[in-house]
């Protein structure tokens, strides 16, 4: 009677196995550290909404913003004449 062949994983040398295990452990640790830092950055960012306000990027755009009084431009809005005292 012939015994059927079964799958047997090829064994690696013990030195390679130890170095591969250390490499996998280091990769896993770095992945967890990256996820933890990303979560920390997210939590810090949502605590400081002032970081996400749109501000003028150049001096010219800053001057134009101050000239408008900080109001948003409206294309359909006609400028009004200032009321004169009677």
PDB file of N, CA and C in Angstrom:
ATOM      1  N   UNK A   1       0.842  -1.157   0.000  1.00  0.00           N
ATOM      2  CA  UNK A   1       0.000   0.000   0.000  1.00  0.00           C
ATOM      3  C   UNK A   1       0.901   1.238   0.000  1.00  0.00           C
ATOM      4  N   UNK A   2       0.567   2.200  -0.892  1.00  0.00           N
ATOM      5  CA  UNK A   2       1.351   3.419  -1.017  1.00  0.00           C
ATOM      6  C   UNK A   2       0.663   4.525  -0.231  1.00  0.00           C
ATOM      7  N   UNK A   3       1.443   5.176   0.558  1.00  0.00           N
ATOM      8  CA  UNK A   3       0.918   6.266   1.375  1.00  0.00           C
ATOM      9  C   UNK A   3       0.772   7.510   0.510  1.00  0.00           C
ATOM     10  N   UNK A   4      -0.387   8.207   0.540  1.00  0.00           N
ATOM     11  CA  UNK A   4      -0.560   9.403  -0.296  1.00  0.00           C
ATOM     12  C   UNK A   4       0.336  10.533   0.197  1.00  0.00           C
ATOM     13  N   UNK A   5       0.752  11.345  -0.745  1.00  0.00           N
ATOM     14  CA  UNK A   5       1.597  12.489  -0.397  1.00  0.00           C
ATOM     15  C   UNK A   5       0.748  13.577   0.247  1.00  0.00           C
ATOM     16  N   UNK A   6       1.253  14.200   1.253  1.00  0.00           N
ATOM     17  CA  UNK A   6       0.581  15.320   1.911  1.00  0.00           C
ATOM     18  C   UNK A   6       1.441  16.555   1.762  1.00  0.00           C
ATOM     19  N   UNK A   7       0.780  17.689   1.883  1.00  0.00           N
ATOM     20  CA  UNK A   7       1.515  18.951   1.754  1.00  0.00           C
ATOM     21  C   UNK A   7       2.340  19.176   3.008  1.00  0.00           C
ATOM     22  N   UNK A   8       3.585  19.429   2.799  1.00  0.00           N
ATOM     23  CA  UNK A   8       4.453  19.773   3.904  1.00  0.00           C
ATOM     24  C   UNK A   8       5.181  21.070   3.543  1.00  0.00           C
ATOM     25  N   UNK A   9       5.053  22.056   4.394  1.00  0.00           N
ATOM     26  CA  UNK A   9       5.723  23.326   4.140  1.00  0.00           C
ATOM     27  C   UNK A   9       7.224  23.131   4.230  1.00  0.00           C
ATOM     28  N   UNK A  10       7.909  23.771   3.338  1.00  0.00           N
ATOM     29  CA  UNK A  10       9.359  23.688   3.362  1.00  0.00           C
ATOM     30  C   UNK A  10       9.869  24.452   4.570  1.00  0.00           C
ATOM     31  N   UNK A  11      10.671  23.821   5.344  1.00  0.00           N
ATOM     32  CA  UNK A  11      11.182  24.455   6.547  1.00  0.00           C
ATOM     33  C   UNK A  11      12.398  25.303   6.211  1.00  0.00           C
ATOM     34  N   UNK A  12      12.459  26.442   6.886  1.00  0.00           N
ATOM     35  CA  UNK A  12      13.596  27.332   6.668  1.00  0.00           C
ATOM     36  C   UNK A  12      14.606  27.111   7.785  1.00  0.00           C
ATOM     37  N   UNK A  13      15.766  27.610   7.557  1.00  0.00           N
ATOM     38  CA  UNK A  13      16.800  27.501   8.579  1.00  0.00           C
ATOM     39  C   UNK A  13      16.382  28.310   9.801  1.00  0.00           C
ATOM     40  N   UNK A  14      16.722  27.880  11.005  1.00  0.00           N
ATOM     41  CA  UNK A  14      16.309  28.614  12.212  1.00  0.00           C
ATOM     42  C   UNK A  14      16.785  30.058  12.237  1.00  0.00           C
ATOM     43  N   UNK A  15      17.958  30.345  11.658  1.00  0.00           N
ATOM     44  CA  UNK A  15      18.447  31.734  11.662  1.00  0.00           C
ATOM     45  C   UNK A  15      17.529  32.604  10.802  1.00  0.00           C
ATOM     46  N   UNK A  16      17.119  32.100   9.627  1.00  0.00           N
ATOM     47  CA  UNK A  16      16.245  32.881   8.756  1.00  0.00           C
ATOM     48  C   UNK A  16      14.872  33.070   9.393  1.00  0.00           C
ATOM     49  N   UNK A  17      14.410  32.021  10.055  1.00  0.00           N
ATOM     50  CA  UNK A  17      13.094  32.102  10.677  1.00  0.00           C
ATOM     51  C   UNK A  17      13.080  33.183  11.766  1.00  0.00           C
ATOM     52  N   UNK A  18      14.115  33.241  12.559  1.00  0.00           N
ATOM     53  CA  UNK A  18      14.186  34.241  13.625  1.00  0.00           C
ATOM     54  C   UNK A  18      14.278  35.648  13.054  1.00  0.00           C
ATOM     55  N   UNK A  19      15.058  35.826  11.996  1.00  0.00           N
ATOM     56  CA  UNK A  19      15.183  37.169  11.418  1.00  0.00           C
ATOM     57  C   UNK A  19      13.896  37.586  10.720  1.00  0.00           C
ATOM     58  N   UNK A  20      13.199  36.626  10.094  1.00  0.00           N
ATOM     59  CA  UNK A  20      11.917  36.961   9.459  1.00  0.00           C
ATOM     60  C   UNK A  20      10.875  37.329  10.513  1.00  0.00           C
ATOM     61  N   UNK A  21      10.879  36.593  11.608  1.00  0.00           N
ATOM     62  CA  UNK A  21       9.925  36.899  12.670  1.00  0.00           C
ATOM     63  C   UNK A  21      10.192  38.277  13.259  1.00  0.00           C
ATOM     64  N   UNK A  22      11.452  38.610  13.451  1.00  0.00           N
ATOM     65  CA  UNK A  22      11.799  39.938  13.972  1.00  0.00           C
ATOM     66  C   UNK A  22      11.409  41.027  12.969  1.00  0.00           C
ATOM     67  N   UNK A  23      11.597  40.754  11.687  1.00  0.00           N
ATOM     68  CA  UNK A  23      11.232  41.720  10.652  1.00  0.00           C
ATOM     69  C   UNK A  23       9.726  41.947  10.639  1.00  0.00           C
ATOM     70  N   UNK A  24       8.950  40.859  10.718  1.00  0.00           N
ATOM     71  CA  UNK A  24       7.486  40.991  10.742  1.00  0.00           C
ATOM     72  C   UNK A  24       7.023  41.717  12.000  1.00  0.00           C
ATOM     73  N   UNK A  25       7.645  41.435  13.111  1.00  0.00           N
ATOM     74  CA  UNK A  25       7.276  42.097  14.362  1.00  0.00           C
ATOM     75  C   UNK A  25       7.573  43.598  14.282  1.00  0.00           C
ATOM     76  N   UNK A  26       8.711  43.959  13.693  1.00  0.00           N
ATOM     77  CA  UNK A  26       9.063  45.371  13.546  1.00  0.00           C
ATOM     78  C   UNK A  26       8.087  46.077  12.609  1.00  0.00           C
ATOM     79  N   UNK A  27       7.725  45.429  11.508  1.00  0.00           N
ATOM     80  CA  UNK A  27       6.755  46.030  10.576  1.00  0.00           C
ATOM     81  C   UNK A  27       5.406  46.237  11.250  1.00  0.00           C
ATOM     82  N   UNK A  28       4.968  45.256  12.029  1.00  0.00           N
ATOM     83  CA  UNK A  28       3.700  45.384  12.737  1.00  0.00           C
ATOM     84  C   UNK A  28       3.724  46.501  13.769  1.00  0.00           C
ATOM     85  N   UNK A  29       4.828  46.604  14.480  1.00  0.00           N
ATOM     86  CA  UNK A  29       4.966  47.661  15.482  1.00  0.00           C
ATOM     87  C   UNK A  29       4.963  49.039  14.820  1.00  0.00           C
ATOM     88  N   UNK A  30       5.653  49.176  13.701  1.00  0.00           N
ATOM     89  CA  UNK A  30       5.688  50.464  13.000  1.00  0.00           C
ATOM     90  C   UNK A  30       4.311  50.811  12.434  1.00  0.00           C
ATOM     91  N   UNK A  31       3.573  49.811  11.962  1.00  0.00           N
ATOM     92  CA  UNK A  31       2.224  50.061  11.457  1.00  0.00           C
ATOM     93  C   UNK A  31       1.311  50.548  12.584  1.00  0.00           C
ATOM     94  N   UNK A  32       1.383  49.900  13.741  1.00  0.00           N
ATOM     95  CA  UNK A  32       0.566  50.340  14.875  1.00  0.00           C
ATOM     96  C   UNK A  32       0.964  51.733  15.349  1.00  0.00           C
ATOM     97  N   UNK A  33       2.256  52.028  15.342  1.00  0.00           N
ATOM     98  CA  UNK A  33       2.718  53.363  15.725  1.00  0.00           C
ATOM     99  C   UNK A  33       2.183  54.405  14.744  1.00  0.00           C
ATOM    100  N   UNK A  34       2.216  54.093  13.453  1.00  0.00           N
ATOM    101  CA  UNK A  34       1.697  55.020  12.443  1.00  0.00           C
ATOM    102  C   UNK A  34       0.217  55.279  12.612  1.00  0.00           C
ATOM    103  N   UNK A  35      -0.553  54.233  12.874  1.00  0.00           N
ATOM    104  CA  UNK A  35      -1.994  54.395  13.089  1.00  0.00           C
ATOM    105  C   UNK A  35      -2.245  55.230  14.343  1.00  0.00           C
ATOM    106  N   UNK A  36      -1.496  54.971  15.401  1.00  0.00           N
ATOM    107  CA  UNK A  36      -1.664  55.734  16.632  1.00  0.00           C
ATOM    108  C   UNK A  36      -1.350  57.209  16.445  1.00  0.00           C
ATOM    109  N   UNK A  37      -0.276  57.501  15.706  1.00  0.00           N
ATOM    110  CA  UNK A  37       0.077  58.901  15.457  1.00  0.00           C
ATOM    111  C   UNK A  37      -0.951  59.584  14.567  1.00  0.00           C
ATOM    112  N   UNK A  38      -1.497  58.851  13.595  1.00  0.00           N
ATOM    113  CA  UNK A  38      -2.536  59.422  12.732  1.00  0.00           C
ATOM    114  C   UNK A  38      -3.785  59.756  13.541  1.00  0.00           C
ATOM    115  N   UNK A  39      -4.175  58.874  14.457  1.00  0.00           N
ATOM    116  CA  UNK A  39      -5.340  59.139  15.304  1.00  0.00           C
ATOM    117  C   UNK A  39      -5.061  60.334  16.220  1.00  0.00           C
ATOM    118  N   UNK A  40      -3.864  60.411  16.771  1.00  0.00           N
ATOM    119  CA  UNK A  40      -3.505  61.545  17.622  1.00  0.00           C
ATOM    120  C   UNK A  40      -3.571  62.854  16.832  1.00  0.00           C
ATOM    121  N   UNK A  41      -3.030  62.865  15.623  1.00  0.00           N
ATOM    122  CA  UNK A  41      -3.068  64.070  14.789  1.00  0.00           C
ATOM    123  C   UNK A  41      -4.512  64.462  14.480  1.00  0.00           C
ATOM    124  N   UNK A  42      -5.367  63.486  14.206  1.00  0.00           N
ATOM    125  CA  UNK A  42      -6.778  63.775  13.934  1.00  0.00           C
ATOM    126  C   UNK A  42      -7.449  64.392  15.148  1.00  0.00           C
ATOM    127  N   UNK A  43      -7.219  63.810  16.317  1.00  0.00           N
ATOM    128  CA  UNK A  43      -7.853  64.338  17.522  1.00  0.00           C
ATOM    129  C   UNK A  43      -7.361  65.739  17.868  1.00  0.00           C
ATOM    130  N   UNK A  44      -6.100  66.017  17.647  1.00  0.00           N
ATOM    131  CA  UNK A  44      -5.571  67.362  17.896  1.00  0.00           C
ATOM    132  C   UNK A  44      -6.163  68.342  16.886  1.00  0.00           C
ATOM    133  N   UNK A  45      -6.281  67.915  15.623  1.00  0.00           N
ATOM    134  CA  UNK A  45      -6.793  68.805  14.586  1.00  0.00           C
ATOM    135  C   UNK A  45      -8.259  69.163  14.819  1.00  0.00           C
ATOM    136  N   UNK A  46      -9.085  68.212  15.253  1.00  0.00           N
ATOM    137  CA  UNK A  46     -10.498  68.541  15.453  1.00  0.00           C
ATOM    138  C   UNK A  46     -10.713  69.385  16.700  1.00  0.00           C
ATOM    139  N   UNK A  47      -9.716  69.435  17.559  1.00  0.00           N
ATOM    140  CA  UNK A  47      -9.817  70.278  18.747  1.00  0.00           C
ATOM    141  C   UNK A  47      -9.463  71.731  18.439  1.00  0.00           C
ATOM    142  N   UNK A  48      -8.851  71.979  17.302  1.00  0.00           N
ATOM    143  CA  UNK A  48      -8.414  73.328  16.929  1.00  0.00           C
ATOM    144  C   UNK A  48      -8.984  73.723  15.564  1.00  0.00           C
ATOM    145  N   UNK A  49     -10.248  74.096  15.506  1.00  0.00           N
ATOM    146  CA  UNK A  49     -10.865  74.441  14.214  1.00  0.00           C
ATOM    147  C   UNK A  49     -10.300  75.718  13.600  1.00  0.00           C
ATOM    148  N   UNK A  50      -9.663  76.579  14.411  1.00  0.00           N
ATOM    149  CA  UNK A  50      -9.105  77.814  13.854  1.00  0.00           C
ATOM    150  C   UNK A  50      -7.974  77.527  12.872  1.00  0.00           C
ATOM    151  N   UNK A  51      -7.404  76.326  12.911  1.00  0.00           N
ATOM    152  CA  UNK A  51      -6.348  75.979  11.962  1.00  0.00           C
ATOM    153  C   UNK A  51      -6.880  75.887  10.543  1.00  0.00           C
ATOM    154  N   UNK A  52      -8.196  75.699  10.387  1.00  0.00           N
ATOM    155  CA  UNK A  52      -8.762  75.419   9.077  1.00  0.00           C
ATOM    156  C   UNK A  52      -9.536  76.588   8.487  1.00  0.00           C
ATOM    157  N   UNK A  53      -9.377  77.779   9.060  1.00  0.00           N
ATOM    158  CA  UNK A  53     -10.003  78.957   8.471  1.00  0.00           C
ATOM    159  C   UNK A  53      -9.211  79.366   7.244  1.00  0.00           C
ATOM    160  N   UNK A  54      -9.924  79.790   6.229  1.00  0.00           N
ATOM    161  CA  UNK A  54      -9.263  80.238   5.005  1.00  0.00           C
ATOM    162  C   UNK A  54      -8.781  81.662   5.230  1.00  0.00           C
ATOM    163  N   UNK A  55      -7.514  81.868   5.020  1.00  0.00           N
ATOM    164  CA  UNK A  55      -6.916  83.183   5.197  1.00  0.00           C
ATOM    165  C   UNK A  55      -6.283  83.615   3.874  1.00  0.00           C
ATOM    166  N   UNK A  56      -6.172  84.925   3.654  1.00  0.00           N
ATOM    167  CA  UNK A  56      -5.522  85.389   2.431  1.00  0.00           C
ATOM    168  C   UNK A  56      -4.073  84.909   2.360  1.00  0.00           C
ATOM    169  N   UNK A  57      -3.654  84.520   1.157  1.00  0.00           N
ATOM    170  CA  UNK A  57      -2.330  83.935   0.996  1.00  0.00           C
ATOM    171  C   UNK A  57      -1.250  84.981   0.713  1.00  0.00           C
ATOM    172  N   UNK A  58      -1.609  86.091   0.092  1.00  0.00           N
ATOM    173  CA  UNK A  58      -0.600  87.086  -0.268  1.00  0.00           C
ATOM    174  C   UNK A  58      -0.982  88.439   0.317  1.00  0.00           C
ATOM    175  N   UNK A  59      -0.036  89.351   0.270  1.00  0.00           N
ATOM    176  CA  UNK A  59      -0.298  90.701   0.753  1.00  0.00           C
ATOM    177  C   UNK A  59      -1.359  91.402  -0.071  1.00  0.00           C
ATOM    178  N   UNK A  60      -1.365  91.160  -1.366  1.00  0.00           N
ATOM    179  CA  UNK A  60      -2.358  91.797  -2.237  1.00  0.00           C
ATOM    180  C   UNK A  60      -3.757  91.310  -1.890  1.00  0.00           C
ATOM    181  N   UNK A  61      -3.905  90.009  -1.721  1.00  0.00           N
ATOM    182  CA  UNK A  61      -5.232  89.494  -1.385  1.00  0.00           C
ATOM    183  C   UNK A  61      -5.659  89.933   0.014  1.00  0.00           C
ATOM    184  N   UNK A  62      -4.712  90.109   0.909  1.00  0.00           N
ATOM    185  CA  UNK A  62      -5.024  90.616   2.246  1.00  0.00           C
ATOM    186  C   UNK A  62      -5.522  92.059   2.154  1.00  0.00           C
ATOM    187  N   UNK A  63      -4.862  92.868   1.339  1.00  0.00           N
ATOM    188  CA  UNK A  63      -5.286  94.265   1.176  1.00  0.00           C
ATOM    189  C   UNK A  63      -6.671  94.338   0.532  1.00  0.00           C
ATOM    190  N   UNK A  64      -6.929  93.492  -0.444  1.00  0.00           N
ATOM    191  CA  UNK A  64      -8.249  93.485  -1.077  1.00  0.00           C
ATOM    192  C   UNK A  64      -9.327  93.039  -0.097  1.00  0.00           C
ATOM    193  N   UNK A  65      -8.986  92.093   0.761  1.00  0.00           N
ATOM    194  CA  UNK A  65      -9.936  91.620   1.761  1.00  0.00           C
ATOM    195  C   UNK A  65     -10.272  92.728   2.743  1.00  0.00           C
ATOM    196  N   UNK A  66      -9.256  93.479   3.178  1.00  0.00           N
ATOM    197  CA  UNK A  66      -9.499  94.593   4.100  1.00  0.00           C
ATOM    198  C   UNK A  66     -10.267  95.716   3.407  1.00  0.00           C
ATOM    199  N   UNK A  67     -10.034  95.924   2.118  1.00  0.00           N
ATOM    200  CA  UNK A  67     -10.737  96.973   1.395  1.00  0.00           C
ATOM    201  C   UNK A  67     -12.227  96.654   1.287  1.00  0.00           C
ATOM    202  N   UNK A  68     -12.552  95.371   1.205  1.00  0.00           N
ATOM    203  CA  UNK A  68     -13.959  94.967   1.128  1.00  0.00           C
ATOM    204  C   UNK A  68     -14.594  94.919   2.508  1.00  0.00           C
ATOM    205  N   UNK A  69     -13.824  95.088   3.514  1.00  0.00           N
ATOM    206  CA  UNK A  69     -14.361  95.040   4.868  1.00  0.00           C
ATOM    207  C   UNK A  69     -14.545  93.616   5.357  1.00  0.00           C
ATOM    208  N   UNK A  70     -13.885  92.684   4.696  1.00  0.00           N
ATOM    209  CA  UNK A  70     -13.980  91.295   5.112  1.00  0.00           C
ATOM    210  C   UNK A  70     -15.250  90.609   4.665  1.00  0.00           C
ATOM    211  N   UNK A  71     -16.060  91.250   3.805  1.00  0.00           N
ATOM    212  CA  UNK A  71     -17.311  90.668   3.332  1.00  0.00           C
ATOM    213  C   UNK A  71     -17.052  89.857   2.066  1.00  0.00           C
ATOM    214  N   UNK A  72     -17.842  88.828   1.896  1.00  0.00           N
ATOM    215  CA  UNK A  72     -17.714  88.006   0.689  1.00  0.00           C
ATOM    216  C   UNK A  72     -18.254  88.770  -0.504  1.00  0.00           C
ATOM    217  N   UNK A  73     -17.651  88.557  -1.646  1.00  0.00           N
ATOM    218  CA  UNK A  73     -18.088  89.228  -2.868  1.00  0.00           C
ATOM    219  C   UNK A  73     -19.372  88.596  -3.370  1.00  0.00           C
ATOM    220  N   UNK A  74     -20.294  89.425  -3.815  1.00  0.00           N
ATOM    221  CA  UNK A  74     -21.550  88.950  -4.389  1.00  0.00           C
ATOM    222  C   UNK A  74     -21.676  89.570  -5.770  1.00  0.00           C
ATOM    223  N   UNK A  75     -21.726  88.748  -6.802  1.00  0.00           N
ATOM    224  CA  UNK A  75     -21.735  89.266  -8.167  1.00  0.00           C
ATOM    225  C   UNK A  75     -23.038  89.975  -8.512  1.00  0.00           C
ATOM    226  N   UNK A  76     -24.140  89.594  -7.875  1.00  0.00           N
ATOM    227  CA  UNK A  76     -25.430  90.190  -8.194  1.00  0.00           C
ATOM    228  C   UNK A  76     -25.743  91.405  -7.341  1.00  0.00           C
ATOM    229  N   UNK A  77     -24.903  91.714  -6.399  1.00  0.00           N
ATOM    230  CA  UNK A  77     -25.147  92.828  -5.485  1.00  0.00           C
ATOM    231  C   UNK A  77     -24.666  94.133  -6.118  1.00  0.00           C
ATOM    232  N   UNK A  78     -25.556  95.103  -6.172  1.00  0.00           N
ATOM    233  CA  UNK A  78     -25.209  96.420  -6.691  1.00  0.00           C
ATOM    234  C   UNK A  78     -24.729  97.281  -5.521  1.00  0.00           C
ATOM    235  N   UNK A  79     -23.647  98.019  -5.722  1.00  0.00           N
ATOM    236  CA  UNK A  79     -23.184  98.876  -4.628  1.00  0.00           C
ATOM    237  C   UNK A  79     -24.235  99.935  -4.298  1.00  0.00           C
ATOM    238  N   UNK A  80     -24.409 100.189  -3.042  1.00  0.00           N
ATOM    239  CA  UNK A  80     -25.388 101.189  -2.608  1.00  0.00           C
ATOM    240  C   UNK A  80     -24.662 102.470  -2.254  1.00  0.00           C
ATOM    241  N   UNK A  81     -25.358 103.554  -2.465  1.00  0.00           N
ATOM    242  CA  UNK A  81     -24.785 104.849  -2.109  1.00  0.00           C
ATOM    243  C   UNK A  81     -24.943 105.054  -0.621  1.00  0.00           C
ATOM    244  N   UNK A  82     -23.931 105.621   0.017  1.00  0.00           N
ATOM    245  CA  UNK A  82     -24.065 105.848   1.465  1.00  0.00           C
ATOM    246  C   UNK A  82     -25.175 106.870   1.727  1.00  0.00           C
ATOM    247  N   UNK A  83     -25.889 106.641   2.814  1.00  0.00           N
ATOM    248  CA  UNK A  83     -26.971 107.546   3.167  1.00  0.00           C
ATOM    249  C   UNK A  83     -26.394 108.884   3.627  1.00  0.00           C
ATOM    250  N   UNK A  84     -26.912 109.942   3.047  1.00  0.00           N
ATOM    251  CA  UNK A  84     -26.440 111.284   3.424  1.00  0.00           C
ATOM    252  C   UNK A  84     -27.394 111.855   4.479  1.00  0.00           C
ATOM    253  N   UNK A  85     -26.864 112.457   5.499  1.00  0.00           N
ATOM    254  CA  UNK A  85     -27.748 113.048   6.528  1.00  0.00           C
ATOM    255  C   UNK A  85     -28.471 114.258   5.965  1.00  0.00           C
ATOM    256  N   UNK A  86     -29.707 114.445   6.337  1.00  0.00           N
ATOM    257  CA  UNK A  86     -30.513 115.571   5.839  1.00  0.00           C
ATOM    258  C   UNK A  86     -30.554 116.709   6.796  1.00  0.00           C
TER     259      UNK A  86
END
